C-alpha atoms as a PDB file:
ATOM      1  CA  MET A   1     -27.564 -25.689  -4.177  1.00  0.00           C
ATOM      2  CA  THR A   2     -28.830 -28.629  -2.148  1.00  0.00           C
ATOM      3  CA  ASP A   3     -32.486 -27.677  -2.738  1.00  0.00           C
ATOM      4  CA  LEU A   4     -33.386 -28.624  -6.293  1.00  0.00           C
ATOM      5  CA  THR A   5     -36.995 -27.445  -6.008  1.00  0.00           C
ATOM      6  CA  MET A   6     -36.479 -23.746  -5.425  1.00  0.00           C
ATOM      7  CA  THR A   7     -39.579 -21.689  -6.091  1.00  0.00           C
ATOM      8  CA  THR A   8     -39.526 -18.562  -8.217  1.00  0.00           C
ATOM      9  CA  LYS A   9     -39.786 -16.505  -5.039  1.00  0.00           C
ATOM     10  CA  GLU A  10     -36.765 -18.268  -3.515  1.00  0.00           C
ATOM     11  CA  ILE A  11     -34.762 -17.815  -6.711  1.00  0.00           C
ATOM     12  CA  ASN A  12     -35.540 -14.097  -6.787  1.00  0.00           C
ATOM     13  CA  GLU A  13     -34.655 -13.804  -3.092  1.00  0.00           C
ATOM     14  CA  PHE A  14     -31.352 -15.575  -3.716  1.00  0.00           C
ATOM     15  CA  LYS A  15     -30.494 -13.247  -6.583  1.00  0.00           C
ATOM     16  CA  LYS A  16     -31.503 -10.240  -4.483  1.00  0.00           C
ATOM     17  CA  THR A  17     -29.227 -11.348  -1.641  1.00  0.00           C
ATOM     18  CA  ALA A  18     -26.311 -11.589  -4.077  1.00  0.00           C
ATOM     19  CA  ARG A  19     -26.984  -8.081  -5.400  1.00  0.00           C
ATOM     20  CA  VAL A  20     -27.305  -6.665  -1.870  1.00  0.00           C
ATOM     21  CA  ALA A  21     -24.008  -8.280  -0.822  1.00  0.00           C
ATOM     22  CA  GLY A  22     -22.262  -6.854  -3.881  1.00  0.00           C
ATOM     23  CA  PHE A  23     -23.709  -3.394  -3.258  1.00  0.00           C
ATOM     24  CA  LEU A  24     -22.701  -3.378   0.422  1.00  0.00           C
ATOM     25  CA  TYR A  25     -19.196  -4.578  -0.421  1.00  0.00           C
ATOM     26  CA  LEU A  26     -18.706  -1.813  -2.983  1.00  0.00           C
ATOM     27  CA  ILE A  27     -20.079   1.082  -0.928  1.00  0.00           C
ATOM     28  CA  MET A  28     -17.897   0.075   2.015  1.00  0.00           C
ATOM     29  CA  PHE A  29     -14.749   0.938   0.051  1.00  0.00           C
ATOM     30  CA  PRO A  30     -15.345   4.717  -0.352  1.00  0.00           C
ATOM     31  CA  PHE A  31     -15.875   5.192   3.388  1.00  0.00           C
ATOM     32  CA  ALA A  32     -12.696   3.311   4.256  1.00  0.00           C
ATOM     33  CA  LEU A  33     -10.659   5.033   1.535  1.00  0.00           C
ATOM     34  CA  PHE A  34     -11.873   8.487   2.574  1.00  0.00           C
ATOM     35  CA  SER A  35     -10.798   7.852   6.158  1.00  0.00           C
ATOM     36  CA  LEU A  36      -7.387   6.588   5.043  1.00  0.00           C
ATOM     37  CA  TYR A  37      -6.990   9.599   2.747  1.00  0.00           C
ATOM     38  CA  ILE A  38      -7.703  12.025   5.600  1.00  0.00           C
ATOM     39  CA  ARG A  39      -5.194  10.367   7.897  1.00  0.00           C
ATOM     40  CA  SER A  40      -2.479  10.214   5.252  1.00  0.00           C
ATOM     41  CA  ASN A  41      -2.879  13.930   4.500  1.00  0.00           C
ATOM     42  CA  LEU A  42      -3.037  15.222   8.070  1.00  0.00           C
ATOM     43  CA  ILE A  43      -0.628  12.925   9.873  1.00  0.00           C
ATOM     44  CA  VAL A  44       3.075  13.441   9.250  1.00  0.00           C
ATOM     45  CA  PRO A  45       5.039  10.457  10.632  1.00  0.00           C
ATOM     46  CA  GLY A  46       7.665  11.524  13.140  1.00  0.00           C
ATOM     47  CA  ASP A  47       6.622  15.190  13.103  1.00  0.00           C
ATOM     48  CA  ALA A  48       4.429  15.790  16.143  1.00  0.00           C
ATOM     49  CA  ALA A  49       4.135  19.569  15.805  1.00  0.00           C
ATOM     50  CA  THR A  50       3.134  19.541  12.131  1.00  0.00           C
ATOM     51  CA  THR A  51       0.658  16.725  12.717  1.00  0.00           C
ATOM     52  CA  ALA A  52      -0.955  18.546  15.643  1.00  0.00           C
ATOM     53  CA  ASN A  53      -1.206  21.791  13.691  1.00  0.00           C
ATOM     54  CA  ASN A  54      -2.726  19.975  10.717  1.00  0.00           C
ATOM     55  CA  ILE A  55      -5.386  18.395  12.900  1.00  0.00           C
ATOM     56  CA  MET A  56      -6.215  21.643  14.678  1.00  0.00           C
ATOM     57  CA  ALA A  57      -6.489  23.460  11.348  1.00  0.00           C
ATOM     58  CA  SER A  58      -8.737  20.743   9.884  1.00  0.00           C
ATOM     59  CA  GLU A  59     -10.487  19.322  12.932  1.00  0.00           C
ATOM     60  CA  GLY A  60     -13.797  18.912  11.117  1.00  0.00           C
ATOM     61  CA  LEU A  61     -12.084  16.961   8.357  1.00  0.00           C
ATOM     62  CA  PHE A  62     -10.288  14.779  10.873  1.00  0.00           C
ATOM     63  CA  ARG A  63     -13.572  14.033  12.668  1.00  0.00           C
ATOM     64  CA  SER A  64     -15.302  13.262   9.387  1.00  0.00           C
ATOM     65  CA  GLY A  65     -12.601  10.679   8.719  1.00  0.00           C
ATOM     66  CA  ILE A  66     -13.440   8.973  12.020  1.00  0.00           C
ATOM     67  CA  VAL A  67     -17.156   9.010  11.232  1.00  0.00           C
ATOM     68  CA  SER A  68     -16.508   7.665   7.756  1.00  0.00           C
ATOM     69  CA  TRP A  69     -14.501   4.778   9.176  1.00  0.00           C
ATOM     70  CA  LEU A  70     -17.234   3.905  11.687  1.00  0.00           C
ATOM     71  CA  ILE A  71     -19.870   3.956   8.937  1.00  0.00           C
ATOM     72  CA  GLY A  72     -17.695   1.650   6.849  1.00  0.00           C
ATOM     73  CA  GLN A  73     -17.388  -0.830   9.716  1.00  0.00           C
ATOM     74  CA  THR A  74     -21.149  -0.755  10.255  1.00  0.00           C
ATOM     75  CA  ILE A  75     -21.698  -1.530   6.571  1.00  0.00           C
ATOM     76  CA  PHE A  76     -19.181  -4.371   6.972  1.00  0.00           C
ATOM     77  CA  ILE A  77     -21.446  -6.009   9.569  1.00  0.00           C
ATOM     78  CA  LEU A  78     -24.394  -5.887   7.164  1.00  0.00           C
ATOM     79  CA  LEU A  79     -22.178  -7.262   4.400  1.00  0.00           C
ATOM     80  CA  ILE A  80     -21.175 -10.256   6.516  1.00  0.00           C
ATOM     81  CA  LEU A  81     -24.805 -11.088   7.236  1.00  0.00           C
ATOM     82  CA  ALA A  82     -25.674 -10.881   3.531  1.00  0.00           C
ATOM     83  CA  LEU A  83     -22.749 -13.094   2.533  1.00  0.00           C
ATOM     84  CA  TYR A  84     -23.648 -15.610   5.237  1.00  0.00           C
ATOM     85  CA  LYS A  85     -27.184 -15.839   3.884  1.00  0.00           C
ATOM     86  CA  LEU A  86     -25.830 -16.266   0.364  1.00  0.00           C
ATOM     87  CA  LEU A  87     -23.135 -18.839   1.111  1.00  0.00           C
ATOM     88  CA  LYS A  88     -24.618 -20.811   3.999  1.00  0.00           C
ATOM     89  CA  PRO A  89     -26.096 -23.439   1.618  1.00  0.00           C
ATOM     90  CA  VAL A  90     -22.560 -24.232   0.391  1.00  0.00           C
ATOM     91  CA  ASN A  91     -21.212 -25.155   3.828  1.00  0.00           C
ATOM     92  CA  LYS A  92     -22.771 -23.853   7.014  1.00  0.00           C
ATOM     93  CA  ASN A  93     -19.718 -24.497   9.218  1.00  0.00           C
ATOM     94  CA  HIS A  94     -17.360 -22.604   6.920  1.00  0.00           C
ATOM     95  CA  ALA A  95     -19.905 -19.805   6.600  1.00  0.00           C
ATOM     96  CA  LEU A  96     -20.036 -19.528  10.404  1.00  0.00           C
ATOM     97  CA  LEU A  97     -16.229 -19.450  10.553  1.00  0.00           C
ATOM     98  CA  MET A  98     -16.270 -16.618   8.011  1.00  0.00           C
ATOM     99  CA  VAL A  99     -18.731 -14.671  10.165  1.00  0.00           C
ATOM    100  CA  ILE A 100     -16.751 -15.232  13.373  1.00  0.00           C
ATOM    101  CA  PHE A 101     -13.432 -14.097  11.883  1.00  0.00           C
ATOM    102  CA  ALA A 102     -15.042 -11.040  10.289  1.00  0.00           C
ATOM    103  CA  LEU A 103     -17.033  -9.937  13.324  1.00  0.00           C
ATOM    104  CA  VAL A 104     -14.074 -10.277  15.713  1.00  0.00           C
ATOM    105  CA  GLY A 105     -12.290  -7.560  13.766  1.00  0.00           C
ATOM    106  CA  VAL A 106     -15.196  -5.088  13.951  1.00  0.00           C
ATOM    107  CA  PRO A 107     -15.093  -4.264  17.700  1.00  0.00           C
ATOM    108  CA  ILE A 108     -11.302  -3.996  17.485  1.00  0.00           C
ATOM    109  CA  ALA A 109     -11.666  -1.447  14.687  1.00  0.00           C
ATOM    110  CA  PHE A 110     -14.357   0.468  16.590  1.00  0.00           C
ATOM    111  CA  ILE A 111     -12.486   0.609  19.899  1.00  0.00           C
ATOM    112  CA  ASN A 112      -9.280   1.527  18.109  1.00  0.00           C
ATOM    113  CA  GLU A 113     -10.877   4.837  17.046  1.00  0.00           C
ATOM    114  CA  LEU A 114     -10.641   5.923  20.692  1.00  0.00           C
ATOM    115  CA  ASN A 115      -6.962   6.579  20.009  1.00  0.00           C
ATOM    116  CA  GLN A 116      -7.919   9.218  17.451  1.00  0.00           C
ATOM    117  CA  PHE A 117     -10.431  10.739  19.865  1.00  0.00           C
ATOM    118  CA  ALA A 118      -7.637  10.846  22.458  1.00  0.00           C
ATOM    119  CA  ALA A 119      -5.577  12.923  20.027  1.00  0.00           C
ATOM    120  CA  LEU A 120      -8.501  15.331  19.628  1.00  0.00           C
ATOM    121  CA  LEU A 121      -8.974  15.620  23.381  1.00  0.00           C
ATOM    122  CA  LEU A 122      -5.303  16.462  23.842  1.00  0.00           C
ATOM    123  CA  LEU A 123      -5.682  19.292  21.323  1.00  0.00           C
ATOM    124  CA  SER A 124      -9.002  20.532  22.727  1.00  0.00           C
ATOM    125  CA  GLY A 125      -7.428  23.251  24.886  1.00  0.00           C
ATOM    126  CA  ALA A 126      -9.222  22.040  28.029  1.00  0.00           C
ATOM    127  CA  ASP A 127      -8.128  23.651  31.305  1.00  0.00           C
ATOM    128  CA  TYR A 128      -6.838  20.407  32.803  1.00  0.00           C
ATOM    129  CA  LEU A 129      -4.309  20.149  29.946  1.00  0.00           C
ATOM    130  CA  ARG A 130      -2.555  23.399  30.843  1.00  0.00           C
ATOM    131  CA  VAL A 131      -0.110  21.483  33.034  1.00  0.00           C
ATOM    132  CA  TYR A 132       1.511  20.263  29.811  1.00  0.00           C
ATOM    133  CA  GLU A 133       3.762  22.250  27.508  1.00  0.00           C
ATOM    134  CA  ALA A 134       2.739  22.411  23.852  1.00  0.00           C
ATOM    135  CA  ASP A 135       5.547  20.071  22.785  1.00  0.00           C
ATOM    136  CA  GLN A 136       4.464  17.542  25.408  1.00  0.00           C
ATOM    137  CA  LEU A 137       0.886  17.628  24.158  1.00  0.00           C
ATOM    138  CA  TYR A 138       1.990  17.241  20.555  1.00  0.00           C
ATOM    139  CA  ALA A 139       4.187  14.271  21.454  1.00  0.00           C
ATOM    140  CA  GLN A 140       1.236  12.576  23.158  1.00  0.00           C
ATOM    141  CA  VAL A 141      -0.966  13.262  20.137  1.00  0.00           C
ATOM    142  CA  LEU A 142       1.522  11.494  17.876  1.00  0.00           C
ATOM    143  CA  PHE A 143       1.782   8.660  20.402  1.00  0.00           C
ATOM    144  CA  PHE A 144      -1.961   7.972  20.256  1.00  0.00           C
ATOM    145  CA  LEU A 145      -1.989   8.219  16.466  1.00  0.00           C
ATOM    146  CA  ASP A 146       0.867   5.717  16.300  1.00  0.00           C
ATOM    147  CA  LEU A 147      -1.068   3.504  18.711  1.00  0.00           C
ATOM    148  CA  HIS A 148      -4.007   3.737  16.330  1.00  0.00           C
ATOM    149  CA  GLU A 149      -1.848   2.371  13.514  1.00  0.00           C
ATOM    150  CA  HIS A 150      -0.882  -0.581  15.697  1.00  0.00           C
ATOM    151  CA  GLY A 151      -4.577  -1.178  16.425  1.00  0.00           C
ATOM    152  CA  VAL A 152      -5.265  -1.251  12.698  1.00  0.00           C
ATOM    153  CA  SER A 153      -2.580  -3.901  12.245  1.00  0.00           C
ATOM    154  CA  ILE A 154      -4.323  -6.090  14.847  1.00  0.00           C
ATOM    155  CA  ALA A 155      -7.744  -5.691  13.208  1.00  0.00           C
ATOM    156  CA  GLN A 156      -6.058  -6.448   9.884  1.00  0.00           C
ATOM    157  CA  ILE A 157      -5.347  -9.991  11.090  1.00  0.00           C
ATOM    158  CA  PHE A 158      -9.072 -10.711  11.073  1.00  0.00           C
ATOM    159  CA  TRP A 159      -9.628  -8.740   7.849  1.00  0.00           C
ATOM    160  CA  GLY A 160      -7.334 -11.362   6.368  1.00  0.00           C
ATOM    161  CA  LEU A 161      -8.589 -14.469   8.161  1.00  0.00           C
ATOM    162  CA  TRP A 162     -12.230 -14.056   7.131  1.00  0.00           C
ATOM    163  CA  LEU A 163     -11.241 -14.003   3.456  1.00  0.00           C
ATOM    164  CA  PHE A 164     -10.013 -17.606   3.540  1.00  0.00           C
ATOM    165  CA  PRO A 165     -13.360 -19.259   4.397  1.00  0.00           C
ATOM    166  CA  LEU A 166     -15.075 -16.718   2.135  1.00  0.00           C
ATOM    167  CA  GLY A 167     -12.775 -17.680  -0.729  1.00  0.00           C
ATOM    168  CA  TYR A 168     -13.290 -21.377  -0.035  1.00  0.00           C
ATOM    169  CA  LEU A 169     -17.071 -20.973  -0.073  1.00  0.00           C
ATOM    170  CA  VAL A 170     -16.949 -19.024  -3.329  1.00  0.00           C
ATOM    171  CA  TYR A 171     -14.657 -21.675  -4.846  1.00  0.00           C
ATOM    172  CA  LYS A 172     -16.944 -24.559  -3.832  1.00  0.00           C
ATOM    173  CA  SER A 173     -20.233 -22.779  -4.520  1.00  0.00           C
ATOM    174  CA  GLY A 174     -20.582 -23.573  -8.201  1.00  0.00           C
ATOM    175  CA  PHE A 175     -22.686 -20.444  -8.695  1.00  0.00           C
ATOM    176  CA  LEU A 176     -19.685 -18.092  -8.618  1.00  0.00           C
ATOM    177  CA  PRO A 177     -16.414 -18.293 -10.611  1.00  0.00           C
ATOM    178  CA  ARG A 178     -13.773 -20.383  -8.877  1.00  0.00           C
ATOM    179  CA  ILE A 179     -11.053 -17.872  -9.735  1.00  0.00           C
ATOM    180  CA  LEU A 180     -12.739 -15.364  -7.416  1.00  0.00           C
ATOM    181  CA  GLY A 181     -12.406 -17.834  -4.556  1.00  0.00           C
ATOM    182  CA  VAL A 182      -8.712 -18.333  -5.305  1.00  0.00           C
ATOM    183  CA  LEU A 183      -8.087 -14.576  -5.410  1.00  0.00           C
ATOM    184  CA  LEU A 184      -9.910 -14.074  -2.095  1.00  0.00           C
ATOM    185  CA  MET A 185      -7.799 -16.739  -0.395  1.00  0.00           C
ATOM    186  CA  ILE A 186      -4.657 -15.093  -1.766  1.00  0.00           C
ATOM    187  CA  GLY A 187      -5.950 -11.805  -0.352  1.00  0.00           C
ATOM    188  CA  CYS A 188      -6.144 -13.451   3.068  1.00  0.00           C
ATOM    189  CA  PHE A 189      -2.395 -14.050   3.099  1.00  0.00           C
ATOM    190  CA  GLY A 190      -1.688 -10.539   1.842  1.00  0.00           C
ATOM    191  CA  TYR A 191      -3.324  -9.012   4.915  1.00  0.00           C
ATOM    192  CA  LEU A 192      -1.735 -11.512   7.281  1.00  0.00           C
ATOM    193  CA  ILE A 193       1.749 -10.901   5.892  1.00  0.00           C
ATOM    194  CA  ASP A 194       1.273  -7.132   6.211  1.00  0.00           C
ATOM    195  CA  SER A 195       0.086  -7.418   9.802  1.00  0.00           C
ATOM    196  CA  VAL A 196       2.816  -9.787  10.963  1.00  0.00           C
ATOM    197  CA  THR A 197       5.486  -7.758   9.160  1.00  0.00           C
ATOM    198  CA  PHE A 198       4.286  -4.534  10.808  1.00  0.00           C
ATOM    199  CA  ILE A 199       4.401  -6.146  14.250  1.00  0.00           C
ATOM    200  CA  LEU A 200       7.767  -7.870  13.862  1.00  0.00           C
ATOM    201  CA  PHE A 201       9.522  -5.387  11.566  1.00  0.00           C
ATOM    202  CA  PRO A 202       7.883  -1.967  12.091  1.00  0.00           C
ATOM    203  CA  ASN A 203      10.478  -0.176   9.963  1.00  0.00           C
ATOM    204  CA  PHE A 204       9.928  -2.449   6.960  1.00  0.00           C
ATOM    205  CA  ASP A 205       7.668  -0.295   4.800  1.00  0.00           C
ATOM    206  CA  VAL A 206       6.132  -2.768   2.339  1.00  0.00           C
ATOM    207  CA  THR A 207       2.406  -3.414   1.854  1.00  0.00           C
ATOM    208  CA  ILE A 208       1.601  -6.742   0.200  1.00  0.00           C
ATOM    209  CA  SER A 209      -2.184  -6.374   0.443  1.00  0.00           C
ATOM    210  CA  GLN A 210      -2.210  -3.546  -2.096  1.00  0.00           C
ATOM    211  CA  PHE A 211      -1.309  -6.198  -4.694  1.00  0.00           C
ATOM    212  CA  THR A 212      -3.539  -9.020  -3.390  1.00  0.00           C
ATOM    213  CA  PHE A 213      -6.864  -7.282  -2.773  1.00  0.00           C
ATOM    214  CA  ILE A 214      -8.137  -7.726  -6.337  1.00  0.00           C
ATOM    215  CA  GLY A 215     -10.503 -10.513  -5.292  1.00  0.00           C
ATOM    216  CA  GLU A 216     -12.290  -8.146  -2.930  1.00  0.00           C
ATOM    217  CA  LEU A 217     -12.907  -5.778  -5.816  1.00  0.00           C
ATOM    218  CA  LEU A 218     -13.942  -8.369  -8.395  1.00  0.00           C
ATOM    219  CA  LEU A 219     -16.364 -10.267  -6.121  1.00  0.00           C
ATOM    220  CA  PRO A 220     -18.757  -7.350  -5.480  1.00  0.00           C
ATOM    221  CA  LEU A 221     -18.574  -6.310  -9.122  1.00  0.00           C
ATOM    222  CA  TRP A 222     -19.475  -9.843 -10.196  1.00  0.00           C
ATOM    223  CA  LEU A 223     -22.336 -10.042  -7.674  1.00  0.00           C
ATOM    224  CA  LEU A 224     -23.757  -6.741  -8.868  1.00  0.00           C
ATOM    225  CA  ILE A 225     -23.264  -7.128 -12.604  1.00  0.00           C
ATOM    226  CA  LYS A 226     -23.444 -10.874 -13.266  1.00  0.00           C
ATOM    227  CA  GLY A 227     -25.180 -12.100 -10.126  1.00  0.00           C
ATOM    228  CA  VAL A 228     -25.242 -15.818  -9.331  1.00  0.00           C
ATOM    229  CA  ASN A 229     -25.900 -18.878 -11.464  1.00  0.00           C
ATOM    230  CA  VAL A 230     -29.006 -20.135  -9.666  1.00  0.00           C
ATOM    231  CA  GLU A 231     -29.154 -23.309 -11.749  1.00  0.00           C
ATOM    232  CA  GLN A 232     -25.971 -24.471 -10.076  1.00  0.00           C
END
């Protein structure tokens, strides 16, 4: 820290910010995982009829997945603000870059949920949809759900980019283990590789980020359990 005369109140506030950031980071995961679980269980790739029937049979569950995702993204905004407050003393410019990259991805993720609402509207049975045959409606439902996956891959670019300045700040901070910073920067490239691969080679079914996300799990655990070394 650049301020060597921190008061007890400032020290306690600093520790509290670290705990809050760790808590927000951890609780964000269940909301995102629940949404992904719902989609993976209801959507059958390439099978429009089965997917449509699954959604109609479990519409409430499908909607809860959307809500869960939106809650997770809202928590993400609060997390970014907490991490900015925590890491700004390390390097303000890099902390701002972290915030910019992270917050760009949020509106993309929010707007992308419109594709799932479009699928619900197509299955709503509204009178104006009677001009379509059932198979036509089901095909459009799968189209919007596929479009949603492409939207996720775009948001994923920024989910990766923000991890690099975050990792750098953690590495340079002195009050957090350097290895966490290294793992976060590695996580950045995991997301970027996944996103670029999905865009360029859509049939190449490999997910690198599932092996490189460990830094995102260890950081919040460290913040919650160990906190920060204020003396540094």
